Amino acid sequence: MSVPPTSVRSAPPALSAFLRGVERRGAVLAELQAGDAMAGDAALVQAMARFRAEAESTPMAAWPTRFWGLLLTQPQLRQRTQVALAIEATDRLGELGSGPRAALLLRVAAGLSDEDAAEVLGLPESSYRLALQRALPHHPDGRADPSTWQQLRDQIHRRIKTLPPDRLVRLSNAREAALRGEAGPAAEARALPATARRRPRWLMPLLWGLLGICVLALAATFWRWGGDLPGMGASGRVDVEPLPEGGAPASRYGDELAIVAHRDFALLADAQGQADARDLEFRSWFAAQQAAGVERPTPPADLPGDTTVPPSPVPTEGETEAGAETSDAP
């Protein structure tokens, strides 16, 4: 799109301040509308160049609506690049139509009121509100989804505040070029990454050469085996042979290594733990008895009770003789 010729004299300070103020918001709006940052930046540069040509003949009160209207008419924003996998809420904007998506971005990214956003789109205010209502997140049953809406707003505002520094430098250079009245393509070139502008001439031949090497390596693989892969019979089919019956499967390691590699090796190597496991029923019963306050187990009814018999005193030597004499006395 050609840009009308402009005067080479410096732009008014008010115009420079206005473009600087809308630069971040315009970059994010164009990126989300197009689905691609490079396409969005190119559209923003073209819009700034055209707005520089029309700003002097436009009242300052109409600058916002005129600028956003020029940005949305750029050809780079007419088609959106779909993301491969939607991760953030902003990635799902591609599910909306171009009109509802622009209505939502004018409200959230550009920060316009309903009246100004409707003027930018050339719609009645009631129609704009209907388009905005269609763009808002909803549950599958049709109810509004406030949490997703808040998440979408937060992500857009975060993008505006955290644009990469190198991208800000490119946009700043393109803005200054537009204010000087340079042509649109020259200003757009300043917004493109340096890697895209300075691609080495030898890069493409190198890539084609690597591709040719891969093709030759694949052809050499078939030539080595005479057109047939190992294991293929004369008919071109894979040979299938049954395994011998009765043969023991080949072992990959010995018995000792199998025990060490066992997932329960720590338990198998614990001899005391195995002994405790064998007495698990008795220990469980004994623990239940202690928990119930029973000091010792009660013997079964068919066994005699535990009768305590006091031990007989052991007589000393003198007592033994006296006792003997007493027993022998008449």
Protein backbone atom coordinates (compact mmCIF):
# COMPACT_ATOMS: atom_id res chain seq x y z
CA MET A 1 0.00 0.00 0.00
CA SER A 2 1.49 3.32 -1.06
CA VAL A 3 1.87 6.07 1.47
CA PRO A 4 1.07 9.66 0.45
CA PRO A 5 4.11 11.88 0.28
CA THR A 6 4.70 13.94 3.37
CA SER A 7 6.83 16.87 4.29
CA VAL A 8 10.33 16.17 5.44
CA ARG A 9 10.12 18.76 8.20
CA SER A 10 9.96 17.48 11.77
CA ALA A 11 6.62 16.34 13.16
CA PRO A 12 4.86 18.30 15.92
CA PRO A 13 5.75 17.22 19.45
CA ALA A 14 2.09 16.35 20.09
CA LEU A 15 2.14 13.85 17.22
CA SER A 16 5.36 12.28 18.47
CA ALA A 17 3.92 11.93 21.97
CA PHE A 18 0.69 10.42 20.63
CA LEU A 19 2.46 7.76 18.56
CA ARG A 20 4.75 6.96 21.45
CA GLY A 21 1.72 6.53 23.70
CA VAL A 22 -0.11 4.12 21.38
CA GLU A 23 2.96 2.19 20.25
CA ARG A 24 2.79 -0.68 22.79
CA ARG A 25 -0.99 -1.05 22.63
CA GLY A 26 -0.93 -0.93 18.84
CA ALA A 27 1.76 -3.61 18.64
CA VAL A 28 -0.19 -6.02 20.88
CA LEU A 29 -3.52 -5.33 19.16
CA ALA A 30 -2.01 -5.92 15.70
CA GLU A 31 -0.19 -9.05 16.89
CA LEU A 32 -3.32 -10.63 18.38
CA GLN A 33 -5.49 -9.60 15.45
CA ALA A 34 -3.05 -11.08 12.92
CA GLY A 35 -1.81 -13.97 15.08
CA ASP A 36 1.80 -13.13 14.22
CA ALA A 37 4.11 -10.54 15.79
CA MET A 38 6.04 -9.73 12.60
CA ALA A 39 2.87 -9.22 10.56
CA GLY A 40 1.43 -7.09 13.37
CA ASP A 41 4.53 -4.89 13.59
CA ALA A 42 4.54 -4.38 9.81
CA ALA A 43 0.88 -3.29 9.97
CA LEU A 44 1.64 -0.93 12.85
CA VAL A 45 4.50 0.72 10.96
CA GLN A 46 2.33 1.24 7.89
CA ALA A 47 -0.46 2.70 10.03
CA MET A 48 1.93 5.13 11.74
CA ALA A 49 3.31 6.26 8.37
CA ARG A 50 -0.18 6.91 7.02
CA PHE A 51 -1.31 8.62 10.20
CA ARG A 52 1.72 10.94 10.00
CA ALA A 53 0.46 12.07 6.61
CA GLU A 54 -3.10 12.73 7.85
CA ALA A 55 -2.49 14.01 11.38
CA GLU A 56 -2.05 17.69 10.47
CA SER A 57 -5.43 17.81 8.75
CA THR A 58 -7.21 15.86 11.50
CA PRO A 59 -8.39 17.44 14.78
CA MET A 60 -6.47 16.14 17.79
CA ALA A 61 -9.71 14.96 19.40
CA ALA A 62 -10.20 12.56 16.47
CA TRP A 63 -6.67 11.21 16.48
CA PRO A 64 -7.39 8.03 18.50
CA THR A 65 -10.30 6.83 16.37
CA ARG A 66 -8.47 7.72 13.15
CA PHE A 67 -5.28 5.90 14.15
CA TRP A 68 -7.01 2.70 15.27
CA GLY A 69 -9.16 2.78 12.16
CA LEU A 70 -6.04 3.00 9.96
CA LEU A 71 -4.42 0.15 11.87
CA LEU A 72 -7.37 -2.22 11.43
CA THR A 73 -7.54 -1.52 7.69
CA GLN A 74 -4.01 -2.76 7.05
CA PRO A 75 -3.91 -5.85 4.82
CA GLN A 76 -1.70 -7.76 7.24
CA LEU A 77 -4.61 -7.91 9.74
CA ARG A 78 -7.23 -9.29 7.37
CA GLN A 79 -6.20 -12.92 7.91
CA ARG A 80 -5.11 -14.49 11.17
CA THR A 81 -2.34 -17.07 11.50
CA GLN A 82 -3.65 -19.97 13.56
CA VAL A 83 -1.53 -21.29 16.41
CA ALA A 84 -0.62 -24.97 16.40
CA LEU A 85 -1.69 -25.53 20.01
CA ALA A 86 -3.68 -23.10 22.13
CA ILE A 87 -1.87 -22.58 25.42
CA GLU A 88 -2.97 -19.18 26.70
CA ALA A 89 -6.35 -17.52 26.60
CA THR A 90 -5.09 -15.11 23.93
CA ASP A 91 -4.25 -18.03 21.64
CA ARG A 92 -7.95 -18.89 21.44
CA LEU A 93 -8.82 -15.53 19.86
CA GLY A 94 -8.49 -17.25 16.48
CA GLU A 95 -11.76 -19.06 17.21
CA LEU A 96 -13.55 -15.70 16.90
CA GLY A 97 -14.41 -13.97 13.66
CA SER A 98 -12.36 -11.00 12.52
CA GLY A 99 -15.07 -8.51 13.53
CA PRO A 100 -15.77 -9.78 17.08
CA ARG A 101 -12.05 -10.18 17.67
CA ALA A 102 -11.39 -6.57 16.62
CA ALA A 103 -14.27 -5.40 18.82
CA LEU A 104 -12.78 -7.16 21.84
CA LEU A 105 -9.23 -5.93 21.19
CA LEU A 106 -10.36 -2.32 20.77
CA ARG A 107 -11.90 -2.52 24.20
CA VAL A 108 -9.12 -4.42 26.02
CA ALA A 109 -5.88 -3.67 24.14
CA ALA A 110 -6.62 -0.17 22.81
CA GLY A 111 -8.64 0.85 25.87
CA LEU A 112 -11.35 2.63 23.89
CA SER A 113 -14.86 3.29 25.13
CA ASP A 114 -17.86 1.67 23.46
CA GLU A 115 -18.65 4.89 21.60
CA ASP A 116 -15.11 5.36 20.21
CA ALA A 117 -14.71 1.66 19.36
CA ALA A 118 -18.02 1.70 17.47
CA GLU A 119 -16.82 4.76 15.55
CA VAL A 120 -13.58 3.00 14.62
CA LEU A 121 -15.49 0.02 13.20
CA GLY A 122 -18.12 2.22 11.59
CA LEU A 123 -20.95 0.56 13.51
CA PRO A 124 -23.82 1.81 15.66
CA GLU A 125 -23.02 1.57 19.34
CA SER A 126 -25.69 -1.11 19.84
CA SER A 127 -24.17 -3.27 17.08
CA TYR A 128 -20.74 -2.88 18.61
CA ARG A 129 -22.00 -4.02 22.00
CA LEU A 130 -23.59 -7.05 20.34
CA ALA A 131 -20.27 -7.92 18.65
CA LEU A 132 -18.44 -7.48 21.95
CA GLN A 133 -20.98 -9.72 23.68
CA ARG A 134 -20.35 -12.44 21.10
CA ALA A 135 -16.59 -12.14 21.61
CA LEU A 136 -16.70 -12.57 25.39
CA PRO A 137 -15.83 -16.06 26.71
CA HIS A 138 -18.78 -18.32 27.46
CA HIS A 139 -19.34 -21.73 28.98
CA PRO A 140 -20.59 -24.54 26.71
CA ASP A 141 -24.12 -23.96 28.02
CA GLY A 142 -24.04 -20.30 26.94
CA ARG A 143 -23.40 -18.70 30.35
CA ALA A 144 -20.73 -16.02 30.62
CA ASP A 145 -17.33 -17.14 31.87
CA PRO A 146 -15.96 -14.32 34.07
CA SER A 147 -12.80 -16.20 35.07
CA THR A 148 -11.68 -16.75 31.47
CA TRP A 149 -12.54 -13.14 30.65
CA GLN A 150 -10.38 -11.91 33.53
CA GLN A 151 -7.56 -14.22 32.45
CA LEU A 152 -7.78 -12.87 28.90
CA ARG A 153 -7.60 -9.26 30.11
CA ASP A 154 -4.64 -10.00 32.38
CA GLN A 155 -2.68 -11.70 29.62
CA ILE A 156 -3.28 -8.86 27.15
CA HIS A 157 -2.25 -6.21 29.68
CA ARG A 158 0.82 -8.28 30.57
CA ARG A 159 1.83 -8.41 26.92
CA ILE A 160 1.52 -4.65 26.64
CA LYS A 161 3.76 -4.08 29.66
CA THR A 162 6.36 -6.75 28.88
CA LEU A 163 7.20 -6.37 25.20
CA PRO A 164 10.76 -7.59 24.50
CA PRO A 165 13.38 -4.81 24.54
CA ASP A 166 14.68 -5.61 21.05
CA ARG A 167 11.17 -5.37 19.67
CA LEU A 168 10.65 -2.02 21.39
CA VAL A 169 13.88 -0.73 19.83
CA ARG A 170 12.73 -1.77 16.35
CA LEU A 171 9.32 -0.18 16.82
CA SER A 172 10.92 3.00 18.18
CA ASN A 173 13.20 3.26 15.14
CA ALA A 174 10.25 2.68 12.81
CA ARG A 175 8.21 5.33 14.64
CA GLU A 176 10.99 7.89 14.31
CA ALA A 177 11.27 7.06 10.60
CA ALA A 178 7.53 7.55 10.19
CA LEU A 179 7.71 10.90 11.99
CA ARG A 180 10.48 12.00 9.62
CA GLY A 181 8.14 11.24 6.75
CA GLU A 182 10.09 8.36 5.28
CA ALA A 183 8.34 5.89 2.97
CA GLY A 184 6.38 3.01 4.43
CA PRO A 185 8.69 0.18 3.23
CA ALA A 186 11.75 1.94 4.67
CA ALA A 187 10.08 2.36 8.02
CA GLU A 188 8.76 -1.22 7.91
CA ALA A 189 12.28 -2.54 7.30
CA ARG A 190 13.36 -0.98 10.59
CA ALA A 191 10.68 -2.99 12.40
CA LEU A 192 11.80 -6.36 11.02
CA PRO A 193 14.28 -8.45 13.02
CA ALA A 194 17.90 -8.07 12.03
CA THR A 195 18.15 -11.79 11.22
CA ALA A 196 15.37 -11.47 8.64
CA ARG A 197 17.01 -8.44 6.97
CA ARG A 198 20.56 -9.80 6.95
CA ARG A 199 20.12 -13.38 5.84
CA PRO A 200 23.45 -14.68 4.49
CA ARG A 201 23.51 -15.52 0.80
CA TRP A 202 25.15 -18.87 1.44
CA LEU A 203 22.42 -20.02 3.84
CA MET A 204 19.92 -21.27 1.26
CA PRO A 205 22.50 -23.14 -0.87
CA LEU A 206 23.78 -24.80 2.30
CA LEU A 207 20.28 -25.93 3.26
CA TRP A 208 19.64 -27.33 -0.21
CA GLY A 209 23.02 -29.11 -0.10
CA LEU A 210 22.17 -30.74 3.24
CA LEU A 211 18.84 -31.85 1.83
CA GLY A 212 20.59 -33.45 -1.15
CA ILE A 213 22.99 -35.30 1.17
CA CYS A 214 20.05 -36.73 3.12
CA VAL A 215 18.44 -37.95 -0.11
CA LEU A 216 21.68 -39.59 -1.26
CA ALA A 217 22.13 -41.28 2.12
CA LEU A 218 18.62 -42.70 1.93
CA ALA A 219 19.24 -43.98 -1.60
CA ALA A 220 22.54 -45.58 -0.52
CA THR A 221 20.70 -47.51 2.18
CA PHE A 222 18.51 -49.25 -0.43
CA TRP A 223 21.46 -49.75 -2.80
CA ARG A 224 23.47 -51.52 -0.06
CA TRP A 225 20.80 -54.16 0.45
CA GLY A 226 20.01 -54.55 -3.23
CA GLY A 227 16.63 -52.93 -2.92
CA ASP A 228 15.53 -55.25 -0.12
CA LEU A 229 15.73 -54.68 3.57
CA PRO A 230 17.24 -57.35 5.88
CA GLY A 231 14.73 -60.02 6.81
CA MET A 232 12.72 -59.72 3.60
CA GLY A 233 12.23 -62.78 1.42
CA ALA A 234 12.34 -63.08 -2.32
CA SER A 235 8.65 -62.23 -2.57
CA GLY A 236 9.22 -58.88 -0.94
CA ARG A 237 7.46 -59.87 2.25
CA VAL A 238 8.92 -60.11 5.72
CA ASP A 239 9.89 -63.68 6.68
CA VAL A 240 8.12 -64.95 9.80
CA GLU A 241 9.36 -68.05 11.62
CA PRO A 242 7.80 -69.59 14.74
CA LEU A 243 9.93 -69.85 17.87
CA PRO A 244 11.13 -73.34 18.87
CA GLU A 245 8.82 -75.07 21.34
CA GLY A 246 9.99 -76.29 24.71
CA GLY A 247 13.07 -74.11 24.83
CA ALA A 248 13.67 -72.04 27.89
CA PRO A 249 13.83 -68.32 27.26
CA ALA A 250 17.28 -66.83 27.26
CA SER A 251 18.09 -65.19 30.54
CA ARG A 252 19.58 -61.72 30.51
CA TYR A 253 21.13 -62.01 33.98
CA GLY A 254 21.82 -64.54 36.74
CA ASP A 255 19.66 -65.44 39.70
CA GLU A 256 21.66 -63.31 42.15
CA LEU A 257 21.40 -60.24 39.95
CA ALA A 258 17.67 -60.90 39.54
CA ILE A 259 17.25 -60.86 43.32
CA VAL A 260 19.24 -57.65 43.64
CA ALA A 261 17.21 -56.05 40.84
CA HIS A 262 13.94 -57.11 42.45
CA ARG A 263 11.76 -54.15 43.35
CA ASP A 264 11.26 -55.58 46.88
CA PHE A 265 14.96 -56.34 47.45
CA ALA A 266 15.09 -54.20 50.61
CA LEU A 267 12.31 -56.28 52.14
CA LEU A 268 13.74 -59.59 50.99
CA ALA A 269 17.13 -58.76 52.51
CA ASP A 270 15.60 -57.87 55.89
CA ALA A 271 15.66 -61.19 57.81
CA GLN A 272 14.21 -59.66 60.97
CA GLY A 273 11.43 -58.11 58.95
CA GLN A 274 10.55 -61.48 57.44
CA ALA A 275 10.47 -63.05 60.92
CA ASP A 276 8.20 -60.29 62.15
CA ALA A 277 5.98 -60.80 59.12
CA ARG A 278 5.56 -64.51 59.95
CA ASP A 279 4.41 -63.56 63.48
CA LEU A 280 2.14 -60.84 62.21
CA GLU A 281 -1.09 -62.49 63.48
CA PHE A 282 0.27 -63.03 66.98
CA ARG A 283 1.72 -59.53 67.21
CA SER A 284 -1.54 -58.05 66.03
CA TRP A 285 -3.49 -59.97 68.67
CA PHE A 286 -0.98 -59.02 71.37
CA ALA A 287 -1.15 -55.34 70.41
CA ALA A 288 -4.96 -55.48 70.54
CA GLN A 289 -4.80 -56.98 74.02
CA GLN A 290 -2.50 -54.23 75.24
CA ALA A 291 -4.69 -51.59 73.70
CA ALA A 292 -7.68 -53.05 75.58
CA GLY A 293 -5.83 -52.79 78.94
CA VAL A 294 -5.21 -56.50 79.43
CA GLU A 295 -1.83 -56.96 81.08
CA ARG A 296 -1.43 -60.60 80.21
CA PRO A 297 -3.47 -63.14 78.24
CA THR A 298 -6.21 -65.06 80.07
CA PRO A 299 -5.68 -68.86 79.95
CA PRO A 300 -8.37 -70.97 78.31
CA ALA A 301 -11.16 -72.41 80.52
CA ASP A 302 -10.04 -76.05 80.14
CA LEU A 303 -6.64 -75.37 81.71
CA PRO A 304 -6.12 -75.07 85.48
CA GLY A 305 -5.72 -71.63 86.88
CA ASP A 306 -2.43 -70.13 87.69
CA THR A 307 -2.08 -71.19 91.39
CA THR A 308 0.80 -69.55 93.09
CA VAL A 309 2.56 -71.90 95.53
CA PRO A 310 4.92 -70.16 97.96
CA PRO A 311 8.38 -71.67 97.91
CA SER A 312 9.41 -73.84 100.85
CA PRO A 313 12.15 -72.33 103.01
CA VAL A 314 15.49 -73.99 102.72
CA PRO A 315 16.56 -75.12 106.22
CA THR A 316 20.00 -74.31 107.44
CA GLU A 317 22.35 -76.93 108.88
CA GLY A 318 21.40 -76.27 112.53
CA GLU A 319 17.74 -76.22 111.73
CA THR A 320 18.06 -79.53 109.92
CA GLU A 321 19.60 -81.25 112.95
CA ALA A 322 17.04 -79.77 115.31
CA GLY A 323 14.28 -80.81 113.04
CA ALA A 324 15.63 -84.27 112.86
CA GLU A 325 15.88 -84.53 116.59
CA THR A 326 12.36 -83.25 117.02
CA SER A 327 10.99 -85.75 114.55
CA ASP A 328 12.81 -88.54 116.31
CA ALA A 329 11.67 -87.49 119.78
CA PRO A 330 8.92 -89.61 121.31
